[in-house]
Amino acid sequence: MGLRSELLQCNLDSFLGAEILTSFLSGRGYGISSQEARRVASSIEGMGYKPEHIQQELERVARVM
């Protein structure tokens, strides 16, 4: 929910959204490529930041570092 709040509070483009996602995942021991992070950020934005969609996308792309 913290990630969702942060994404909603900022007027994000896919690059800034990707940076936030990368930081969020790396802080929890996961990695993501820059290209994949931008794709996920765009996808999340397009789906309206629903918590279920955010969680589904993060679980799909996160890799243990």
N, C-alpha and C. Protein backbone atom coordinates (compact mmCIF):
# COMPACT_ATOMS: atom_id res chain seq x y z
N MET A 1 0.83 -1.20 0.00
CA MET A 1 0.00 0.00 0.00
C MET A 1 0.87 1.26 0.00
N GLY A 2 2.06 1.17 0.62
CA GLY A 2 2.97 2.31 0.60
C GLY A 2 3.42 2.65 -0.80
N LEU A 3 3.72 1.62 -1.58
CA LEU A 3 4.12 1.83 -2.97
C LEU A 3 2.98 2.46 -3.76
N ARG A 4 1.79 1.97 -3.58
CA ARG A 4 0.61 2.51 -4.27
C ARG A 4 0.43 3.99 -3.92
N SER A 5 0.54 4.32 -2.66
CA SER A 5 0.39 5.72 -2.24
C SER A 5 1.44 6.61 -2.88
N GLU A 6 2.68 6.12 -2.91
CA GLU A 6 3.75 6.91 -3.50
C GLU A 6 3.52 7.12 -5.00
N LEU A 7 3.07 6.08 -5.68
CA LEU A 7 2.81 6.21 -7.10
C LEU A 7 1.66 7.17 -7.37
N LEU A 8 0.64 7.15 -6.54
CA LEU A 8 -0.51 8.03 -6.73
C LEU A 8 -0.20 9.49 -6.42
N GLN A 9 0.69 9.73 -5.46
CA GLN A 9 0.99 11.10 -5.04
C GLN A 9 1.82 11.86 -6.07
N CYS A 10 2.57 11.15 -6.87
CA CYS A 10 3.45 11.79 -7.84
C CYS A 10 2.80 11.78 -9.21
N ASN A 11 3.05 12.82 -9.95
CA ASN A 11 2.63 12.84 -11.35
C ASN A 11 3.75 12.17 -12.13
N LEU A 12 3.62 10.86 -12.36
CA LEU A 12 4.73 10.07 -12.86
C LEU A 12 4.68 9.84 -14.36
N ASP A 13 5.88 9.82 -14.95
CA ASP A 13 6.01 9.24 -16.27
C ASP A 13 6.58 7.85 -16.05
N SER A 14 6.70 7.06 -17.08
CA SER A 14 7.13 5.67 -16.90
C SER A 14 8.56 5.58 -16.38
N PHE A 15 9.41 6.56 -16.68
CA PHE A 15 10.79 6.51 -16.20
C PHE A 15 10.87 6.74 -14.69
N LEU A 16 10.15 7.72 -14.18
CA LEU A 16 10.14 7.97 -12.74
C LEU A 16 9.45 6.83 -12.01
N GLY A 17 8.36 6.34 -12.57
CA GLY A 17 7.67 5.19 -11.98
C GLY A 17 8.58 3.98 -11.92
N ALA A 18 9.37 3.77 -12.96
CA ALA A 18 10.31 2.65 -13.00
C ALA A 18 11.38 2.80 -11.91
N GLU A 19 11.85 4.02 -11.68
CA GLU A 19 12.83 4.25 -10.61
C GLU A 19 12.24 3.92 -9.24
N ILE A 20 11.00 4.32 -9.02
CA ILE A 20 10.33 4.04 -7.74
C ILE A 20 10.16 2.53 -7.57
N LEU A 21 9.73 1.84 -8.63
CA LEU A 21 9.58 0.38 -8.56
C LEU A 21 10.91 -0.32 -8.29
N THR A 22 11.95 0.11 -8.98
CA THR A 22 13.27 -0.48 -8.79
C THR A 22 13.74 -0.29 -7.36
N SER A 23 13.57 0.90 -6.84
CA SER A 23 13.96 1.19 -5.46
C SER A 23 13.15 0.35 -4.47
N PHE A 24 11.84 0.26 -4.70
CA PHE A 24 10.96 -0.52 -3.83
C PHE A 24 11.40 -1.98 -3.79
N LEU A 25 11.64 -2.56 -4.96
CA LEU A 25 12.02 -3.97 -5.03
C LEU A 25 13.41 -4.21 -4.46
N SER A 26 14.35 -3.34 -4.77
CA SER A 26 15.72 -3.56 -4.27
C SER A 26 15.78 -3.42 -2.75
N GLY A 27 14.94 -2.59 -2.18
CA GLY A 27 14.88 -2.46 -0.73
C GLY A 27 14.35 -3.70 -0.04
N ARG A 28 13.77 -4.59 -0.81
CA ARG A 28 13.23 -5.83 -0.27
C ARG A 28 13.99 -7.06 -0.77
N GLY A 29 15.17 -6.81 -1.38
CA GLY A 29 16.03 -7.90 -1.80
C GLY A 29 15.72 -8.48 -3.17
N TYR A 30 15.00 -7.74 -4.00
CA TYR A 30 14.65 -8.20 -5.34
C TYR A 30 15.27 -7.27 -6.38
N GLY A 31 15.40 -7.79 -7.59
CA GLY A 31 15.93 -7.00 -8.68
C GLY A 31 14.96 -6.98 -9.85
N ILE A 32 15.16 -6.01 -10.73
CA ILE A 32 14.34 -5.88 -11.93
C ILE A 32 15.16 -5.09 -12.94
N SER A 33 15.08 -5.44 -14.21
CA SER A 33 15.79 -4.68 -15.23
C SER A 33 15.11 -3.33 -15.44
N SER A 34 15.85 -2.37 -15.92
CA SER A 34 15.28 -1.04 -16.17
C SER A 34 14.16 -1.10 -17.19
N GLN A 35 14.36 -1.88 -18.24
CA GLN A 35 13.34 -2.01 -19.28
C GLN A 35 12.06 -2.63 -18.72
N GLU A 36 12.20 -3.68 -17.94
CA GLU A 36 11.03 -4.33 -17.35
C GLU A 36 10.35 -3.40 -16.34
N ALA A 37 11.12 -2.64 -15.59
CA ALA A 37 10.54 -1.71 -14.63
C ALA A 37 9.70 -0.65 -15.34
N ARG A 38 10.17 -0.15 -16.48
CA ARG A 38 9.38 0.84 -17.24
C ARG A 38 8.10 0.21 -17.77
N ARG A 39 8.18 -1.03 -18.24
CA ARG A 39 7.00 -1.71 -18.76
C ARG A 39 5.97 -1.91 -17.65
N VAL A 40 6.44 -2.34 -16.47
CA VAL A 40 5.54 -2.55 -15.34
C VAL A 40 4.93 -1.22 -14.88
N ALA A 41 5.74 -0.17 -14.82
CA ALA A 41 5.23 1.14 -14.41
C ALA A 41 4.12 1.60 -15.36
N SER A 42 4.32 1.41 -16.65
CA SER A 42 3.29 1.79 -17.62
C SER A 42 2.03 0.94 -17.46
N SER A 43 2.24 -0.35 -17.20
CA SER A 43 1.11 -1.26 -17.01
C SER A 43 0.30 -0.89 -15.77
N ILE A 44 1.00 -0.63 -14.68
CA ILE A 44 0.32 -0.26 -13.43
C ILE A 44 -0.45 1.03 -13.61
N GLU A 45 0.15 1.99 -14.28
CA GLU A 45 -0.52 3.27 -14.52
C GLU A 45 -1.78 3.06 -15.35
N GLY A 46 -1.70 2.22 -16.36
CA GLY A 46 -2.84 1.97 -17.23
C GLY A 46 -3.99 1.26 -16.53
N MET A 47 -3.69 0.51 -15.48
CA MET A 47 -4.71 -0.23 -14.77
C MET A 47 -5.27 0.55 -13.58
N GLY A 48 -4.82 1.78 -13.38
CA GLY A 48 -5.39 2.62 -12.35
C GLY A 48 -4.89 2.36 -10.95
N TYR A 49 -3.71 1.75 -10.81
CA TYR A 49 -3.07 1.56 -9.51
C TYR A 49 -3.87 0.71 -8.54
N LYS A 50 -4.60 -0.26 -9.05
CA LYS A 50 -5.33 -1.16 -8.16
C LYS A 50 -4.33 -2.03 -7.41
N PRO A 51 -4.47 -2.15 -6.08
CA PRO A 51 -3.50 -2.93 -5.29
C PRO A 51 -3.30 -4.35 -5.81
N GLU A 52 -4.36 -5.00 -6.26
CA GLU A 52 -4.24 -6.37 -6.74
C GLU A 52 -3.37 -6.43 -7.99
N HIS A 53 -3.52 -5.45 -8.87
CA HIS A 53 -2.75 -5.43 -10.10
C HIS A 53 -1.28 -5.14 -9.80
N ILE A 54 -1.02 -4.20 -8.91
CA ILE A 54 0.36 -3.88 -8.54
C ILE A 54 1.04 -5.12 -7.97
N GLN A 55 0.38 -5.79 -7.05
CA GLN A 55 0.96 -6.98 -6.44
C GLN A 55 1.22 -8.07 -7.48
N GLN A 56 0.27 -8.29 -8.36
CA GLN A 56 0.41 -9.30 -9.40
C GLN A 56 1.61 -9.00 -10.31
N GLU A 57 1.74 -7.76 -10.73
CA GLU A 57 2.85 -7.39 -11.60
C GLU A 57 4.20 -7.52 -10.89
N LEU A 58 4.26 -7.09 -9.63
CA LEU A 58 5.52 -7.19 -8.90
C LEU A 58 5.92 -8.64 -8.67
N GLU A 59 4.97 -9.49 -8.34
CA GLU A 59 5.28 -10.90 -8.14
C GLU A 59 5.74 -11.56 -9.44
N ARG A 60 5.22 -11.09 -10.55
CA ARG A 60 5.58 -11.67 -11.83
C ARG A 60 7.01 -11.33 -12.25
N VAL A 61 7.46 -10.11 -11.94
CA VAL A 61 8.75 -9.67 -12.46
C VAL A 61 9.89 -9.66 -11.45
N ALA A 62 9.60 -9.69 -10.16
CA ALA A 62 10.65 -9.60 -9.15
C ALA A 62 11.54 -10.84 -9.16
N ARG A 63 12.82 -10.61 -9.09
CA ARG A 63 13.80 -11.70 -9.03
C ARG A 63 14.61 -11.54 -7.76
N VAL A 64 14.80 -12.64 -7.07
CA VAL A 64 15.62 -12.59 -5.85
C VAL A 64 17.05 -12.29 -6.25
N MET A 65 17.66 -11.34 -5.54
CA MET A 65 19.03 -10.94 -5.84
C MET A 65 20.01 -11.83 -5.09
